[in-house]
Amino acid sequence: MRRAAIVAPVRTPVGTFGGSLRPVPVEDLAATVIKAVVERSGIDPGRIEDVAMAQSYANSETPSIGRWAALHAGLPVAVPGFQLDRRCGGGLQAVVTAAMMVQTGAADVVIAGGVESMSNIEHYSTQVRWGSRSGGVQLYDRLDRGRERSQPEWRFGRISGMIETAENLARDYDISREQADAYAVRSHHRAAAAWEAGAFAEEVVPVQVPVRRGDPVTFSRDEGIRPDSDVETLAGLRTLTPGGTVTAGNSSQQNDAAAACLVVAEDKLDELGLEPLGFLVGWAAAGCEPATMGLGPVPAVSRLFARTGVGFDDLDLVELNEAFACQVLAVLKGWGFDDPAELDDRLNVNGSGISLGHPIAATGVRMLTTMLYELRRRGGRYGLETMCVGGGQGMAALFEGVS
């Protein structure tokens, strides 16, 4: 079976909720990274055989975002595309789905990516098509509703959302508010240091933001990072549930962004003149209880290690999506690391969801992009990417870098 190479991974800067990228529709974000992948790789667009694009909060404004964005980016009409969703794991799923196409010979070259414009997620109603006999019509916020309905209530009871699942982990794994805040500060400081050191220079593609009166403005830097964050400031924030651990300061953000890469059959690299940044070694997904969905990386990584024969001692980098600080700390305990310092020099070395943001379906490809460039800088071999997924899932993938 052929190896799947990762070529020219890129990402947009990550915008805050309602921030600089709010005027940019999801199709423009997706097209921006598709164009950048084609330009940076130098691939003949006619050699691209499919576009796998994840979007977790899709709607009918841009149905089948992979196809829509491919056309919007100017790819040949003959290039098809599709959309997939594994919630927070959607972007990574797009990459491994493209890899399976390549590994099995179904395709030689596929663009894989993820996109989310959380600022533009709409409200909707399920009551208006056939009319309402009397009274008002209820509008749902698709963003909140998707979190509330991540599992069948008849089987698991009502779960109010992802915050509740994080608080369950904080209780079960004895994670304190102080520990969560300290981890959040670590994330912001590392992301800020990465920007200052130029670590993101190669991976970030600027976005042109339309302005009502005037020329477009260039957006080129993640805007959710708080370099002056400290535990004293975070300690003053109100918890989102009474007596809880989770605050706005130690949780991932809601964001807008896109990321993409080429997934190419190894035996086609020389013919196409492409230089890989890494190879997919293996991947796994696993289910867990929806009420403790943040623990998903534990069974997923266990399954991945069993398949690949690789363990934590073999890893040069670990990327974990940072849905919540207490979720990260619980996962570390689930992996057997009671002291986070045991992974400190390998875990989220450039920040993650708490600092860089968590644009749901784009996150998996954003994490992969950041990790592969960092592997190359370090001359490392193996990087592990893993994330929790709403509804009680985990996903993990092992990549081998190319120095």
Protein backbone atom coordinates (compact mmCIF):
# COMPACT_ATOMS: atom_id res chain seq x y z
CA MET A 1 0.00 0.00 0.00
CA ARG A 2 1.33 3.41 -0.98
CA ARG A 3 2.30 5.97 1.63
CA ALA A 4 0.37 9.22 1.73
CA ALA A 5 2.55 12.33 1.73
CA ILE A 6 1.53 15.71 3.13
CA VAL A 7 2.58 18.56 0.84
CA ALA A 8 2.32 22.35 1.22
CA PRO A 9 0.14 22.57 4.34
CA VAL A 10 -1.11 26.10 4.99
CA ARG A 11 -3.58 27.90 7.20
CA THR A 12 -5.15 31.30 7.48
CA PRO A 13 -4.62 33.35 10.61
CA VAL A 14 -7.33 32.54 13.16
CA GLY A 15 -9.93 35.23 13.76
CA THR A 16 -11.83 35.75 17.00
CA PHE A 17 -15.59 35.32 17.25
CA GLY A 18 -17.14 38.38 15.62
CA GLY A 19 -13.65 39.73 14.99
CA SER A 20 -11.58 40.63 11.95
CA LEU A 21 -12.74 37.70 9.77
CA ARG A 22 -16.46 38.17 10.41
CA PRO A 23 -16.99 39.85 6.99
CA VAL A 24 -15.29 36.93 5.20
CA PRO A 25 -17.73 34.16 4.18
CA VAL A 26 -16.74 30.55 4.67
CA GLU A 27 -16.31 29.95 0.93
CA ASP A 28 -13.73 32.74 0.72
CA LEU A 29 -11.76 31.31 3.64
CA ALA A 30 -11.74 27.87 2.02
CA ALA A 31 -10.83 29.20 -1.41
CA THR A 32 -7.95 31.21 0.08
CA VAL A 33 -6.16 28.11 1.38
CA ILE A 34 -6.94 26.03 -1.71
CA LYS A 35 -5.34 28.70 -3.91
CA ALA A 36 -2.34 28.89 -1.58
CA VAL A 37 -1.81 25.11 -1.65
CA VAL A 38 -1.84 25.11 -5.45
CA GLU A 39 0.49 28.10 -5.66
CA ARG A 40 3.00 26.91 -3.06
CA SER A 41 3.16 23.35 -4.32
CA GLY A 42 3.26 24.29 -7.99
CA ILE A 43 0.90 21.42 -8.78
CA ASP A 44 -0.92 21.46 -12.10
CA PRO A 45 -4.53 22.01 -10.95
CA GLY A 46 -5.64 19.47 -13.52
CA ARG A 47 -3.79 16.74 -11.58
CA ILE A 48 -5.94 17.29 -8.47
CA GLU A 49 -8.47 14.47 -8.37
CA ASP A 50 -10.70 15.50 -5.46
CA VAL A 51 -11.17 18.04 -2.68
CA ALA A 52 -12.09 16.73 0.79
CA MET A 53 -13.21 19.64 2.96
CA ALA A 54 -14.56 19.45 6.50
CA GLN A 55 -17.13 21.87 7.89
CA SER A 56 -18.96 21.22 11.13
CA TYR A 57 -21.52 24.01 10.93
CA ALA A 58 -22.62 23.69 7.34
CA ASN A 59 -25.72 25.13 5.70
CA SER A 60 -27.25 25.45 2.26
CA GLU A 61 -25.54 28.73 1.44
CA THR A 62 -22.50 26.71 0.37
CA PRO A 63 -23.61 23.07 0.05
CA SER A 64 -20.84 20.49 -0.26
CA ILE A 65 -18.17 23.01 0.65
CA GLY A 66 -15.38 20.96 -0.94
CA ARG A 67 -16.93 21.26 -4.39
CA TRP A 68 -18.13 24.83 -3.83
CA ALA A 69 -14.73 26.03 -2.66
CA ALA A 70 -12.91 24.18 -5.45
CA LEU A 71 -14.98 26.03 -8.05
CA HIS A 72 -14.65 29.29 -6.13
CA ALA A 73 -10.86 28.88 -6.04
CA GLY A 74 -10.77 28.48 -9.81
CA LEU A 75 -9.90 24.79 -9.99
CA PRO A 76 -10.89 23.04 -13.23
CA VAL A 77 -14.55 22.08 -13.45
CA ALA A 78 -13.47 18.43 -13.71
CA VAL A 79 -12.11 18.51 -10.13
CA PRO A 80 -14.84 17.19 -7.80
CA GLY A 81 -15.21 17.87 -4.10
CA PHE A 82 -17.13 16.78 -1.03
CA GLN A 83 -17.88 17.73 2.54
CA LEU A 84 -17.49 15.72 5.73
CA ASP A 85 -18.02 16.21 9.43
CA ARG A 86 -16.61 14.59 12.53
CA ARG A 87 -17.15 17.74 14.58
CA CYS A 88 -13.82 18.83 16.15
CA GLY A 89 -12.07 15.97 14.35
CA GLY A 90 -13.43 16.94 10.93
CA GLY A 91 -10.26 18.51 9.56
CA LEU A 92 -8.10 15.58 10.59
CA GLN A 93 -10.73 13.23 9.16
CA ALA A 94 -10.49 15.07 5.83
CA VAL A 95 -6.74 14.42 5.77
CA VAL A 96 -7.00 10.72 6.64
CA THR A 97 -9.91 10.22 4.23
CA ALA A 98 -7.79 11.75 1.47
CA ALA A 99 -4.90 9.56 2.60
CA MET A 100 -7.02 6.42 2.33
CA MET A 101 -7.98 7.43 -1.21
CA VAL A 102 -4.31 7.76 -2.07
CA GLN A 103 -3.20 4.62 -0.23
CA THR A 104 -5.76 2.45 -2.00
CA GLY A 105 -5.08 3.84 -5.45
CA ALA A 106 -8.43 5.59 -5.80
CA ALA A 107 -6.55 8.84 -6.38
CA ASP A 108 -2.99 10.15 -6.62
CA VAL A 109 -3.53 13.76 -5.53
CA VAL A 110 -6.23 15.12 -3.21
CA ILE A 111 -6.63 18.46 -1.48
CA ALA A 112 -7.73 18.01 2.13
CA GLY A 113 -8.81 20.81 4.42
CA GLY A 114 -11.22 22.22 6.93
CA VAL A 115 -13.02 25.51 7.31
CA GLU A 116 -15.26 27.21 9.83
CA SER A 117 -16.72 30.68 10.12
CA MET A 118 -18.22 30.48 13.58
CA SER A 119 -18.97 34.21 13.44
CA ASN A 120 -21.46 33.54 10.64
CA ILE A 121 -23.26 30.48 11.99
CA GLU A 122 -26.93 31.20 11.57
CA HIS A 123 -30.12 30.82 13.59
CA TYR A 124 -32.76 28.50 12.20
CA SER A 125 -36.25 27.17 12.84
CA THR A 126 -37.77 23.73 12.39
CA GLN A 127 -41.34 25.07 12.59
CA VAL A 128 -41.93 27.29 9.59
CA ARG A 129 -42.08 25.00 6.55
CA TRP A 130 -45.62 23.84 7.25
CA GLY A 131 -46.64 26.82 9.31
CA SER A 132 -47.41 27.28 12.99
CA ARG A 133 -51.04 26.99 14.13
CA SER A 134 -50.64 29.66 16.79
CA GLY A 135 -48.08 31.46 18.88
CA GLY A 136 -44.53 32.35 18.03
CA VAL A 137 -41.87 30.46 16.13
CA GLN A 138 -38.70 29.37 17.91
CA LEU A 139 -35.30 30.14 16.43
CA TYR A 140 -32.34 27.97 17.39
CA ASP A 141 -28.75 29.13 17.48
CA ARG A 142 -27.09 26.44 15.37
CA LEU A 143 -23.86 26.91 17.32
CA ASP A 144 -25.40 26.19 20.72
CA ARG A 145 -27.91 23.68 19.38
CA GLY A 146 -25.18 21.53 17.87
CA ARG A 147 -23.58 21.21 21.28
CA GLU A 148 -26.82 20.43 23.07
CA ARG A 149 -27.80 17.72 20.60
CA SER A 150 -24.49 15.89 20.33
CA GLN A 151 -26.02 12.66 21.63
CA PRO A 152 -29.46 10.97 21.84
CA GLU A 153 -31.09 12.25 25.01
CA TRP A 154 -33.19 9.10 25.47
CA ARG A 155 -30.00 7.09 26.00
CA PHE A 156 -27.59 9.46 27.75
CA GLY A 157 -29.85 12.06 29.33
CA ARG A 158 -29.60 15.76 28.67
CA ILE A 159 -26.11 17.21 28.43
CA SER A 160 -26.24 20.97 28.34
CA GLY A 161 -23.11 21.31 26.24
CA MET A 162 -19.37 20.90 26.14
CA ILE A 163 -18.80 22.96 29.29
CA GLU A 164 -20.68 20.36 31.30
CA THR A 165 -18.49 17.59 29.89
CA ALA A 166 -15.36 19.52 30.85
CA GLU A 167 -16.62 20.04 34.40
CA ASN A 168 -17.25 16.30 34.62
CA LEU A 169 -13.58 15.67 33.80
CA ALA A 170 -12.40 18.30 36.26
CA ARG A 171 -14.36 16.50 38.98
CA ASP A 172 -13.43 12.96 37.97
CA TYR A 173 -9.71 13.72 37.60
CA ASP A 174 -9.43 16.22 40.46
CA ILE A 175 -8.36 19.17 38.29
CA SER A 176 -8.40 22.46 40.20
CA ARG A 177 -9.29 25.90 38.89
CA GLU A 178 -5.74 27.02 39.64
CA GLN A 179 -4.24 24.19 37.58
CA ALA A 180 -6.55 24.97 34.66
CA ASP A 181 -5.69 28.66 34.75
CA ALA A 182 -1.96 27.93 34.88
CA TYR A 183 -2.23 25.71 31.81
CA ALA A 184 -4.17 28.40 29.93
CA VAL A 185 -1.44 30.95 30.67
CA ARG A 186 1.13 28.47 29.35
CA SER A 187 -0.80 28.20 26.08
CA HIS A 188 -1.00 31.96 25.52
CA HIS A 189 2.64 32.52 26.37
CA ARG A 190 3.78 29.77 24.01
CA ALA A 191 1.67 31.03 21.12
CA ALA A 192 2.90 34.58 21.63
CA ALA A 193 6.52 33.39 21.77
CA ALA A 194 6.01 31.37 18.57
CA TRP A 195 4.81 34.45 16.70
CA GLU A 196 7.69 36.54 17.99
CA ALA A 197 10.18 33.85 16.95
CA GLY A 198 8.70 33.64 13.46
CA ALA A 199 7.55 30.05 13.91
CA PHE A 200 4.28 30.65 12.04
CA ALA A 201 5.78 32.59 9.14
CA GLU A 202 5.80 29.67 6.69
CA GLU A 203 2.40 28.26 7.48
CA VAL A 204 0.15 31.34 7.56
CA VAL A 205 -1.56 32.70 4.43
CA PRO A 206 -3.02 36.21 4.83
CA VAL A 207 -6.68 36.86 4.13
CA GLN A 208 -8.08 39.89 2.32
CA VAL A 209 -10.96 41.27 4.35
CA PRO A 210 -13.52 43.39 2.50
CA VAL A 211 -14.22 46.86 3.81
CA ARG A 212 -17.49 48.63 3.07
CA ARG A 213 -15.84 51.82 1.87
CA GLY A 214 -12.28 51.34 0.77
CA ASP A 215 -9.73 48.75 -0.26
CA PRO A 216 -9.60 45.34 1.43
CA VAL A 217 -7.59 45.04 4.61
CA THR A 218 -4.95 42.31 4.97
CA PHE A 219 -5.45 40.06 8.00
CA SER A 220 -2.21 38.22 8.73
CA ARG A 221 -1.92 37.34 12.43
CA ASP A 222 -3.89 35.22 14.92
CA GLU A 223 -5.89 37.66 16.99
CA GLY A 224 -6.98 35.64 20.02
CA ILE A 225 -3.56 35.38 21.69
CA ARG A 226 -3.17 37.25 24.98
CA PRO A 227 0.59 37.51 25.58
CA ASP A 228 0.10 39.38 28.86
CA SER A 229 -2.13 36.64 30.31
CA ASP A 230 -1.33 35.67 33.90
CA VAL A 231 -2.88 33.51 36.60
CA GLU A 232 -3.87 36.53 38.68
CA THR A 233 -5.97 37.97 35.88
CA LEU A 234 -7.56 34.62 35.02
CA ALA A 235 -8.38 34.02 38.67
CA GLY A 236 -10.67 37.04 38.56
CA LEU A 237 -12.91 35.58 35.84
CA ARG A 238 -16.28 34.13 36.72
CA THR A 239 -16.72 30.37 36.24
CA LEU A 240 -19.32 29.46 33.63
CA THR A 241 -21.10 27.16 36.08
CA PRO A 242 -21.45 27.96 39.80
CA GLY A 243 -18.56 26.49 41.76
CA GLY A 244 -17.01 25.10 38.60
CA THR A 245 -13.57 25.15 36.99
CA VAL A 246 -14.22 26.31 33.43
CA THR A 247 -14.01 30.02 32.57
CA ALA A 248 -13.79 31.95 29.33
CA GLY A 249 -10.07 32.28 30.06
CA ASN A 250 -9.23 28.58 30.34
CA SER A 251 -11.41 27.35 27.47
CA SER A 252 -10.85 27.22 23.73
CA GLN A 253 -12.15 30.14 21.73
CA GLN A 254 -14.83 30.29 19.02
CA ASN A 255 -13.11 31.22 15.79
CA ASP A 256 -12.98 31.69 12.04
CA ALA A 257 -10.25 30.08 9.90
CA ALA A 258 -9.37 27.60 7.19
CA ALA A 259 -6.47 25.23 6.55
CA ALA A 260 -5.56 22.81 3.77
CA CYS A 261 -2.82 20.63 2.28
CA LEU A 262 -2.12 18.31 -0.60
CA VAL A 263 -2.24 14.58 0.11
CA VAL A 264 -0.16 12.81 -2.54
CA ALA A 265 0.87 9.24 -3.30
CA GLU A 266 4.56 8.81 -2.46
CA ASP A 267 5.32 7.22 -5.82
CA LYS A 268 4.01 10.33 -7.62
CA LEU A 269 6.09 12.92 -5.77
CA ASP A 270 9.08 12.93 -8.14
CA GLU A 271 6.92 12.91 -11.25
CA LEU A 272 4.97 15.93 -9.97
CA GLY A 273 8.04 17.70 -8.59
CA LEU A 274 6.58 17.86 -5.07
CA GLU A 275 8.47 18.01 -1.77
CA PRO A 276 6.61 16.43 1.17
CA LEU A 277 6.68 17.82 4.68
CA GLY A 278 5.53 14.55 6.24
CA PHE A 279 3.80 11.19 5.82
CA LEU A 280 0.76 9.70 7.53
CA VAL A 281 1.83 6.63 9.50
CA GLY A 282 -1.50 5.60 11.00
CA TRP A 283 -4.69 6.87 12.58
CA ALA A 284 -7.53 5.79 14.83
CA ALA A 285 -10.88 6.95 16.12
CA ALA A 286 -12.62 5.75 19.25
CA GLY A 287 -15.81 6.40 21.16
CA CYS A 288 -16.24 7.35 24.79
CA GLU A 289 -19.11 8.45 27.01
CA PRO A 290 -20.66 11.66 25.67
CA ALA A 291 -20.72 13.11 29.19
CA THR A 292 -16.91 12.92 29.29
CA MET A 293 -16.26 13.57 25.62
CA GLY A 294 -13.01 15.40 26.39
CA LEU A 295 -11.36 12.11 27.31
CA GLY A 296 -11.66 10.87 23.72
CA PRO A 297 -7.91 11.14 22.97
CA VAL A 298 -7.16 8.48 25.59
CA PRO A 299 -8.87 5.51 23.85
CA ALA A 300 -8.00 6.89 20.41
CA VAL A 301 -4.28 7.08 21.18
CA SER A 302 -4.35 3.66 22.82
CA ARG A 303 -5.85 2.20 19.66
CA LEU A 304 -3.35 4.05 17.46
CA PHE A 305 -0.34 2.89 19.47
CA ALA A 306 -1.58 -0.71 19.32
CA ARG A 307 -1.80 -0.47 15.54
CA THR A 308 1.54 1.23 14.92
CA GLY A 309 3.73 -0.11 17.71
CA VAL A 310 4.74 3.46 18.57
CA GLY A 311 4.58 4.87 22.11
CA PHE A 312 5.07 8.19 23.86
CA ASP A 313 8.82 7.62 24.17
CA ASP A 314 9.06 7.62 20.37
CA LEU A 315 7.32 10.96 19.91
CA ASP A 316 9.06 14.26 19.23
CA LEU A 317 5.85 16.34 19.36
CA VAL A 318 2.30 15.94 20.68
CA GLU A 319 -0.54 18.19 19.51
CA LEU A 320 -3.69 18.14 21.62
CA ASN A 321 -6.59 20.39 20.68
CA GLU A 322 -7.09 22.20 24.01
CA ALA A 323 -10.87 22.26 24.09
CA PHE A 324 -10.56 23.16 27.77
CA ALA A 325 -7.54 23.40 30.04
CA CYS A 326 -9.05 20.91 32.50
CA GLN A 327 -9.72 18.56 29.56
CA VAL A 328 -6.03 18.63 28.57
CA LEU A 329 -4.95 17.90 32.14
CA ALA A 330 -7.46 15.05 32.44
CA VAL A 331 -6.24 13.51 29.17
CA LEU A 332 -2.64 13.69 30.40
CA LYS A 333 -3.66 11.80 33.53
CA GLY A 334 -5.53 9.31 31.36
CA TRP A 335 -2.31 8.77 29.44
CA GLY A 336 -0.46 8.15 32.69
CA PHE A 337 1.21 11.56 33.08
CA ASP A 338 0.26 12.80 36.53
CA ASP A 339 2.76 15.62 36.13
CA PRO A 340 2.19 17.63 32.90
CA ALA A 341 5.89 18.58 33.00
CA GLU A 342 6.69 15.06 31.79
CA LEU A 343 5.48 16.09 28.31
CA ASP A 344 6.16 19.80 28.66
CA ASP A 345 8.84 20.14 25.99
CA ARG A 346 6.79 18.18 23.43
CA LEU A 347 3.15 19.09 24.11
CA ASN A 348 1.55 22.01 22.22
CA VAL A 349 4.86 23.80 22.09
CA ASN A 350 3.38 26.67 20.06
CA GLY A 351 0.03 26.89 21.85
CA SER A 352 -3.28 25.46 20.67
CA GLY A 353 -7.04 25.97 21.06
CA ILE A 354 -6.95 28.14 24.17
CA SER A 355 -4.54 30.64 22.61
CA LEU A 356 -4.56 30.08 18.85
CA GLY A 357 -8.26 29.29 18.80
CA HIS A 358 -10.51 26.39 17.83
CA PRO A 359 -12.26 26.97 14.48
CA ILE A 360 -13.89 23.54 14.76
CA ALA A 361 -13.49 21.79 11.38
CA ALA A 362 -10.34 23.74 10.51
CA THR A 363 -8.53 22.85 13.74
CA GLY A 364 -7.31 19.40 12.72
CA VAL A 365 -5.52 20.69 9.63
CA ARG A 366 -4.28 23.77 11.50
CA MET A 367 -2.72 21.51 14.14
CA LEU A 368 -1.17 19.26 11.49
CA THR A 369 0.29 22.25 9.66
CA THR A 370 1.83 23.71 12.81
CA MET A 371 3.17 20.34 13.92
CA LEU A 372 4.85 19.42 10.62
CA TYR A 373 6.69 22.73 10.34
CA GLU A 374 7.83 22.40 13.95
CA LEU A 375 8.99 18.82 13.35
CA ARG A 376 11.14 20.05 10.48
CA ARG A 377 12.65 22.84 12.56
CA ARG A 378 13.54 20.34 15.28
CA GLY A 379 14.73 17.63 12.95
CA GLY A 380 12.21 15.33 14.65
CA ARG A 381 10.68 12.15 13.34
CA TYR A 382 7.25 11.45 14.84
CA GLY A 383 4.42 13.79 15.72
CA LEU A 384 1.14 12.77 17.32
CA GLU A 385 -2.04 14.75 16.65
CA THR A 386 -5.07 14.00 18.77
CA MET A 387 -8.35 15.65 19.71
CA CYS A 388 -11.57 15.16 21.58
CA VAL A 389 -14.82 15.24 19.62
CA GLY A 390 -18.30 16.31 20.67
CA GLY A 391 -20.74 13.45 21.18
CA GLY A 392 -18.11 11.29 22.84
CA GLN A 393 -15.32 10.53 20.38
CA GLY A 394 -11.59 10.84 20.12
CA MET A 395 -9.31 10.88 17.11
CA ALA A 396 -5.56 10.43 16.81
CA ALA A 397 -3.06 10.28 13.97
CA LEU A 398 0.67 9.65 13.77
CA PHE A 399 2.76 11.54 11.22
CA GLU A 400 6.41 11.14 10.26
CA GLY A 401 8.19 14.36 9.47
CA VAL A 402 10.66 15.01 6.67
CA SER A 403 13.67 17.00 7.85
